[in-house]
Amino acid sequence: MIVAISVGAVNVPLGDVWGIVLHHVTGAGAGPTDPALDQIVWNFRTPRVVLAALVGAGLAVTGAVLQTVVSNPLADPVVLGFSYGATLGAVLVITLGGGAVLAGLGVPAAAFLGAVAAGALVFALGQRRGRLAPTRLVLAGVAVGYVFLSATSYVQLQATPTELRTVMFWMLGSVSGARWDQLPTVTVVVLVITTLLTLFGRRLNALLAGDESATALGVDVGRLRAALLVLTALLTGTVIAVAGGIGFVGLMVPHLVRLTTGADHRRLLPLTALLGAVYLVLVDLLSRTLDRPNEMPLGILTALLGAPFFLWLLRRNKGLD
């Protein structure tokens, strides 16, 4: 993270970065001698890097949990429609002001409500005889996602060229607008929900053995799936609300961790959060350095890195045949 703060359109020596951050956090040291460097490091780059780490951690943890909940190694917030719901909410505010329903809401709040609404629909449609069925959840997620995506496409047709540019950049994901006032809420949500999901580790491990085995071990499978879907929808809505649509993080990172540490969720989820944070910080660094001074949306790079991994996973996982 210190390296990511250091590198940009104007490179700042690592020692200066460390000194500025340490001074603002602890009050130690004499403080920066150059106000311009202080502004760049503390007000622009540090909140951006911290937000990238939080978003990466949140998306990665969500993907890891959803893959277990729906018993599908290809599940992530996009597959279950959460991302498309958030996108529709944000696009409505950007292009139409949201009308009467979303009046007074900003883009983050509308995106959050959209993700939660998509999660609620998937939850309702994914039940069979009062129990959540993994296959129905995936099918419901795909269907709900396409409905929200088609609505988003229709709303885009009403947008002006300026609005459309904002919509496209937001849909592809970015942390360039990160502000300090956004971070407390996102930090609390990511840390609290990640901790809660980790506490479900033993029961998530039981789900890996199948519903019957989990029930025999005393796990209420239906109630567990419902609680996990609610938590992941809240986590997804929060991070997408501040960073836009970023794909493949929730698919790619959990599998990389499983390949090296195994599937025990008590280890998997904390390590997935850590690797997800590091991964998105590096992707954000690439997005603003590959074509300086221009900046690429994060979704383009995560797709370029994630799509080949997705194809490799399809070939590797014989259980999908």
Protein backbone atom coordinates (compact mmCIF):
# COMPACT_ATOMS: atom_id res chain seq x y z
CA MET A 1 0.00 0.00 0.00
CA ILE A 2 2.88 2.38 0.73
CA VAL A 3 4.33 1.63 -2.73
CA ALA A 4 0.92 2.23 -4.34
CA ILE A 5 0.66 5.59 -2.56
CA SER A 6 4.16 6.49 -3.73
CA VAL A 7 3.66 5.79 -7.45
CA GLY A 8 1.50 7.92 -9.72
CA ALA A 9 1.54 10.86 -12.12
CA VAL A 10 3.93 12.44 -9.61
CA ASN A 11 6.18 9.92 -7.87
CA VAL A 12 6.78 10.52 -4.18
CA PRO A 13 9.79 8.96 -2.40
CA LEU A 14 8.83 6.07 -0.12
CA GLY A 15 10.43 7.77 2.87
CA ASP A 16 8.31 10.88 2.37
CA VAL A 17 5.16 8.77 1.98
CA TRP A 18 5.87 6.89 5.20
CA GLY A 19 6.64 10.11 7.06
CA ILE A 20 3.47 11.87 5.89
CA VAL A 21 1.19 8.93 6.67
CA LEU A 22 2.82 8.34 10.06
CA HIS A 23 2.49 12.02 10.95
CA HIS A 24 -1.22 12.13 10.11
CA VAL A 25 -2.00 8.85 11.85
CA THR A 26 0.07 9.19 15.02
CA GLY A 27 1.13 12.86 15.11
CA ALA A 28 4.77 11.78 15.24
CA GLY A 29 7.45 13.75 13.40
CA ALA A 30 7.61 17.34 12.28
CA GLY A 31 5.13 16.88 9.42
CA PRO A 32 5.62 17.41 5.68
CA THR A 33 7.74 20.29 4.47
CA ASP A 34 5.99 20.45 1.07
CA PRO A 35 2.23 21.15 1.32
CA ALA A 36 1.72 19.91 -2.26
CA LEU A 37 3.19 16.49 -1.43
CA ASP A 38 1.09 16.32 1.70
CA GLN A 39 -2.03 17.03 -0.35
CA ILE A 40 -1.14 14.37 -2.93
CA VAL A 41 -0.24 11.68 -0.41
CA TRP A 42 -2.82 12.21 2.31
CA ASN A 43 -5.88 13.67 0.59
CA PHE A 44 -5.74 11.95 -2.81
CA ARG A 45 -3.76 8.72 -2.82
CA THR A 46 -4.08 7.33 0.69
CA PRO A 47 -7.91 7.22 0.78
CA ARG A 48 -7.86 5.76 -2.73
CA VAL A 49 -5.48 2.94 -1.80
CA VAL A 50 -7.30 2.19 1.46
CA LEU A 51 -10.64 2.06 -0.39
CA ALA A 52 -9.17 -0.27 -3.04
CA ALA A 53 -7.98 -2.61 -0.28
CA LEU A 54 -11.40 -2.60 1.43
CA VAL A 55 -13.30 -3.20 -1.82
CA GLY A 56 -10.95 -6.00 -2.87
CA ALA A 57 -11.29 -7.68 0.52
CA GLY A 58 -15.10 -7.38 0.50
CA LEU A 59 -15.57 -8.74 -3.01
CA ALA A 60 -13.15 -11.63 -2.45
CA VAL A 61 -14.80 -12.72 0.81
CA THR A 62 -18.26 -12.49 -0.78
CA GLY A 63 -17.15 -14.71 -3.65
CA ALA A 64 -15.66 -17.31 -1.30
CA VAL A 65 -18.85 -17.55 0.76
CA LEU A 66 -21.23 -17.59 -2.22
CA GLN A 67 -19.30 -20.42 -3.87
CA THR A 68 -19.96 -22.54 -0.78
CA VAL A 69 -23.55 -21.39 -0.25
CA VAL A 70 -24.67 -22.30 -3.78
CA SER A 71 -22.26 -25.26 -4.17
CA ASN A 72 -20.90 -23.75 -7.37
CA PRO A 73 -17.20 -22.91 -7.85
CA LEU A 74 -18.10 -20.25 -10.45
CA ALA A 75 -20.40 -18.22 -8.18
CA ASP A 76 -19.65 -14.59 -7.32
CA PRO A 77 -21.66 -11.36 -6.81
CA VAL A 78 -22.07 -10.95 -10.58
CA VAL A 79 -23.47 -14.45 -11.13
CA LEU A 80 -26.04 -13.98 -8.36
CA GLY A 81 -27.17 -10.61 -9.71
CA PHE A 82 -26.05 -8.45 -6.77
CA SER A 83 -23.73 -6.36 -8.95
CA TYR A 84 -26.41 -5.72 -11.58
CA GLY A 85 -28.85 -4.55 -8.93
CA ALA A 86 -26.31 -2.06 -7.60
CA THR A 87 -25.58 -0.86 -11.13
CA LEU A 88 -29.24 -0.17 -11.89
CA GLY A 89 -29.69 1.85 -8.70
CA ALA A 90 -26.63 3.98 -9.46
CA VAL A 91 -27.51 4.52 -13.12
CA LEU A 92 -31.03 5.64 -12.21
CA VAL A 93 -29.63 8.40 -10.01
CA ILE A 94 -26.92 9.44 -12.51
CA THR A 95 -29.24 9.67 -15.52
CA LEU A 96 -32.73 10.40 -14.22
CA GLY A 97 -32.22 11.62 -10.69
CA GLY A 98 -33.99 8.45 -9.59
CA GLY A 99 -37.47 9.92 -9.95
CA ALA A 100 -39.73 9.93 -6.90
CA VAL A 101 -38.54 6.57 -5.59
CA LEU A 102 -34.85 7.45 -5.28
CA ALA A 103 -35.26 11.19 -4.75
CA GLY A 104 -32.67 12.61 -2.43
CA LEU A 105 -30.38 9.59 -2.62
CA GLY A 106 -26.83 9.79 -3.86
CA VAL A 107 -25.23 7.23 -6.15
CA PRO A 108 -23.73 5.12 -3.30
CA ALA A 109 -27.04 4.86 -1.41
CA ALA A 110 -28.97 3.95 -4.57
CA ALA A 111 -26.38 1.34 -5.53
CA PHE A 112 -26.57 -0.20 -2.07
CA LEU A 113 -30.37 -0.41 -2.21
CA GLY A 114 -30.16 -1.93 -5.70
CA ALA A 115 -27.83 -4.68 -4.52
CA VAL A 116 -30.02 -5.46 -1.52
CA ALA A 117 -33.14 -5.52 -3.73
CA ALA A 118 -31.45 -7.95 -6.12
CA GLY A 119 -30.39 -10.11 -3.19
CA ALA A 120 -33.95 -10.15 -1.81
CA LEU A 121 -35.36 -11.23 -5.20
CA VAL A 122 -32.78 -13.99 -5.59
CA PHE A 123 -33.50 -15.10 -2.04
CA ALA A 124 -37.26 -15.26 -2.74
CA LEU A 125 -36.95 -17.01 -6.09
CA GLY A 126 -34.26 -19.43 -4.95
CA GLN A 127 -36.53 -21.21 -2.46
CA ARG A 128 -38.26 -24.50 -3.01
CA ARG A 129 -40.87 -25.59 -0.47
CA GLY A 130 -39.53 -23.09 2.00
CA ARG A 131 -35.88 -24.18 1.64
CA LEU A 132 -33.11 -22.51 -0.32
CA ALA A 133 -31.91 -24.72 -3.17
CA PRO A 134 -28.39 -24.06 -4.53
CA THR A 135 -29.27 -24.71 -8.18
CA ARG A 136 -32.37 -22.52 -7.98
CA LEU A 137 -30.31 -19.76 -6.37
CA VAL A 138 -27.87 -19.71 -9.28
CA LEU A 139 -30.65 -19.78 -11.88
CA ALA A 140 -32.56 -17.08 -10.01
CA GLY A 141 -29.40 -14.98 -9.80
CA VAL A 142 -28.77 -15.23 -13.53
CA ALA A 143 -32.39 -14.38 -14.34
CA VAL A 144 -32.57 -11.46 -11.91
CA GLY A 145 -29.21 -10.20 -13.18
CA TYR A 146 -30.43 -10.12 -16.77
CA VAL A 147 -33.62 -8.31 -15.78
CA PHE A 148 -31.63 -5.61 -13.96
CA LEU A 149 -29.11 -5.45 -16.83
CA SER A 150 -31.84 -4.92 -19.43
CA ALA A 151 -33.40 -2.19 -17.28
CA THR A 152 -29.98 -0.54 -16.97
CA SER A 153 -29.53 -0.64 -20.76
CA TYR A 154 -32.91 1.01 -21.26
CA VAL A 155 -32.10 3.76 -18.77
CA GLN A 156 -28.78 4.39 -20.54
CA LEU A 157 -30.68 5.18 -23.75
CA GLN A 158 -32.19 8.18 -21.98
CA ALA A 159 -28.81 9.54 -20.86
CA THR A 160 -26.97 12.54 -22.28
CA PRO A 161 -23.42 12.00 -23.62
CA THR A 162 -21.94 13.46 -20.43
CA GLU A 163 -24.11 11.26 -18.22
CA LEU A 164 -23.32 8.23 -20.36
CA ARG A 165 -19.59 8.71 -19.88
CA THR A 166 -20.09 8.86 -16.11
CA VAL A 167 -22.32 5.79 -16.21
CA MET A 168 -19.84 3.73 -18.23
CA PHE A 169 -16.90 4.66 -16.00
CA TRP A 170 -18.93 3.82 -12.89
CA MET A 171 -20.17 0.51 -14.33
CA LEU A 172 -16.57 -0.56 -15.04
CA GLY A 173 -15.43 0.36 -11.53
CA SER A 174 -13.09 2.95 -10.09
CA VAL A 175 -11.78 4.17 -6.74
CA SER A 176 -10.51 7.47 -8.15
CA GLY A 177 -13.17 9.44 -6.29
CA ALA A 178 -12.30 8.02 -2.87
CA ARG A 179 -12.78 10.42 0.05
CA TRP A 180 -11.96 10.11 3.72
CA ASP A 181 -15.61 10.55 4.70
CA GLN A 182 -16.52 7.37 2.78
CA LEU A 183 -14.03 5.15 4.55
CA PRO A 184 -15.46 4.78 8.09
CA THR A 185 -18.72 3.17 6.92
CA VAL A 186 -17.02 0.89 4.39
CA THR A 187 -14.32 -0.10 6.91
CA VAL A 188 -16.85 -1.02 9.60
CA VAL A 189 -19.04 -3.01 7.21
CA VAL A 190 -16.13 -4.94 5.65
CA LEU A 191 -14.48 -5.74 8.99
CA VAL A 192 -17.68 -6.64 10.87
CA ILE A 193 -19.22 -8.79 8.12
CA THR A 194 -15.91 -10.52 7.32
CA THR A 195 -15.54 -11.32 11.03
CA LEU A 196 -19.10 -12.64 11.24
CA LEU A 197 -18.63 -14.80 8.14
CA THR A 198 -15.39 -16.19 9.58
CA LEU A 199 -17.27 -17.13 12.75
CA PHE A 200 -19.55 -19.21 10.52
CA GLY A 201 -16.42 -21.09 9.39
CA ARG A 202 -17.28 -24.48 10.92
CA ARG A 203 -20.79 -24.43 9.49
CA LEU A 204 -19.49 -23.39 6.08
CA ASN A 205 -17.11 -26.33 6.25
CA ALA A 206 -20.09 -28.57 6.99
CA LEU A 207 -21.87 -27.26 3.87
CA LEU A 208 -18.93 -28.47 1.77
CA ALA A 209 -19.87 -32.05 2.68
CA GLY A 210 -23.41 -31.61 1.34
CA ASP A 211 -26.76 -30.67 2.84
CA GLU A 212 -27.48 -34.10 4.31
CA SER A 213 -24.12 -34.32 6.05
CA ALA A 214 -24.44 -30.76 7.32
CA THR A 215 -27.90 -31.50 8.71
CA ALA A 216 -26.58 -34.63 10.40
CA LEU A 217 -23.94 -32.46 12.08
CA GLY A 218 -26.67 -30.25 13.55
CA VAL A 219 -26.57 -27.40 11.02
CA ASP A 220 -29.87 -25.76 10.05
CA VAL A 221 -28.96 -25.54 6.36
CA GLY A 222 -31.87 -23.36 5.26
CA ARG A 223 -31.41 -20.80 8.01
CA LEU A 224 -27.64 -20.77 7.47
CA ARG A 225 -27.99 -20.09 3.74
CA ALA A 226 -30.48 -17.29 4.42
CA ALA A 227 -28.15 -15.60 6.93
CA LEU A 228 -25.16 -15.91 4.62
CA LEU A 229 -27.07 -14.48 1.65
CA VAL A 230 -28.17 -11.47 3.70
CA LEU A 231 -24.63 -10.79 4.92
CA THR A 232 -23.06 -11.16 1.47
CA ALA A 233 -25.71 -8.94 -0.12
CA LEU A 234 -25.02 -6.20 2.45
CA LEU A 235 -21.26 -6.53 1.94
CA THR A 236 -21.54 -6.49 -1.85
CA GLY A 237 -23.90 -3.54 -1.86
CA THR A 238 -21.60 -1.52 0.37
CA VAL A 239 -18.41 -1.99 -1.65
CA ILE A 240 -20.05 -1.68 -5.08
CA ALA A 241 -21.81 1.48 -3.88
CA VAL A 242 -18.47 3.26 -3.51
CA ALA A 243 -16.42 1.60 -6.28
CA GLY A 244 -18.82 0.58 -9.04
CA GLY A 245 -19.02 -2.74 -10.83
CA ILE A 246 -15.77 -4.69 -10.57
CA GLY A 247 -15.91 -8.27 -11.78
CA PHE A 248 -13.85 -11.44 -11.32
CA VAL A 249 -12.33 -10.50 -7.93
CA GLY A 250 -14.86 -12.66 -6.09
CA LEU A 251 -14.29 -15.51 -8.55
CA MET A 252 -10.53 -15.47 -8.90
CA VAL A 253 -9.11 -14.70 -5.46
CA PRO A 254 -10.88 -17.41 -3.39
CA HIS A 255 -9.69 -20.12 -5.79
CA LEU A 256 -6.11 -18.91 -5.60
CA VAL A 257 -6.27 -19.14 -1.80
CA ARG A 258 -7.88 -22.61 -1.88
CA LEU A 259 -5.12 -23.88 -4.16
CA THR A 260 -2.50 -22.97 -1.57
CA THR A 261 -4.15 -23.30 1.86
CA GLY A 262 -7.13 -25.63 1.40
CA ALA A 263 -10.85 -25.14 1.90
CA ASP A 264 -11.11 -24.65 5.67
CA HIS A 265 -13.13 -21.42 5.89
CA ARG A 266 -11.57 -20.47 9.22
CA ARG A 267 -8.31 -19.89 7.32
CA LEU A 268 -9.78 -19.33 3.86
CA LEU A 269 -11.84 -16.21 4.61
CA PRO A 270 -9.16 -14.10 6.41
CA LEU A 271 -6.53 -15.02 3.81
CA THR A 272 -8.99 -14.36 0.98
CA ALA A 273 -9.70 -10.90 2.42
CA LEU A 274 -5.97 -10.18 2.61
CA LEU A 275 -5.19 -11.39 -0.92
CA GLY A 276 -8.26 -9.59 -2.31
CA ALA A 277 -7.07 -6.34 -0.74
CA VAL A 278 -3.54 -6.73 -2.13
CA TYR A 279 -4.85 -7.75 -5.55
CA LEU A 280 -7.14 -4.74 -6.04
CA VAL A 281 -4.51 -2.31 -4.74
CA LEU A 282 -2.13 -3.64 -7.41
CA VAL A 283 -4.83 -3.50 -10.10
CA ASP A 284 -5.61 0.10 -9.16
CA LEU A 285 -1.89 0.91 -9.35
CA LEU A 286 -1.77 -0.54 -12.86
CA SER A 287 -4.92 1.36 -13.87
CA ARG A 288 -3.28 4.73 -13.23
CA THR A 289 0.25 3.95 -14.40
CA LEU A 290 -0.13 1.94 -17.63
CA ASP A 291 -1.23 4.96 -19.67
CA ARG A 292 -0.24 8.01 -17.65
CA PRO A 293 -1.78 10.51 -17.15
CA ASN A 294 -4.94 8.72 -18.36
CA GLU A 295 -6.66 6.24 -16.09
CA MET A 296 -8.32 2.92 -16.94
CA PRO A 297 -11.43 1.65 -15.16
CA LEU A 298 -10.65 -1.22 -12.79
CA GLY A 299 -13.20 -3.52 -14.42
CA ILE A 300 -11.22 -3.60 -17.68
CA LEU A 301 -8.09 -4.85 -15.97
CA THR A 302 -9.85 -7.32 -13.66
CA ALA A 303 -11.61 -8.78 -16.71
CA LEU A 304 -8.34 -9.05 -18.65
CA LEU A 305 -6.77 -10.90 -15.72
CA GLY A 306 -9.86 -12.81 -14.60
CA ALA A 307 -11.28 -14.13 -17.89
CA PRO A 308 -8.27 -16.37 -18.69
CA PHE A 309 -8.39 -17.65 -15.10
CA PHE A 310 -12.12 -18.36 -15.52
CA LEU A 311 -11.42 -20.43 -18.65
CA TRP A 312 -8.59 -22.29 -16.92
CA LEU A 313 -10.91 -23.05 -14.01
CA LEU A 314 -13.53 -24.45 -16.38
CA ARG A 315 -10.96 -26.83 -17.88
CA ARG A 316 -9.50 -27.80 -14.51
CA ASN A 317 -12.73 -28.48 -12.61
CA LYS A 318 -13.99 -31.89 -13.81
CA GLY A 319 -16.96 -31.61 -11.46
CA LEU A 320 -18.55 -29.12 -13.85
CA ASP A 321 -18.86 -31.71 -16.64
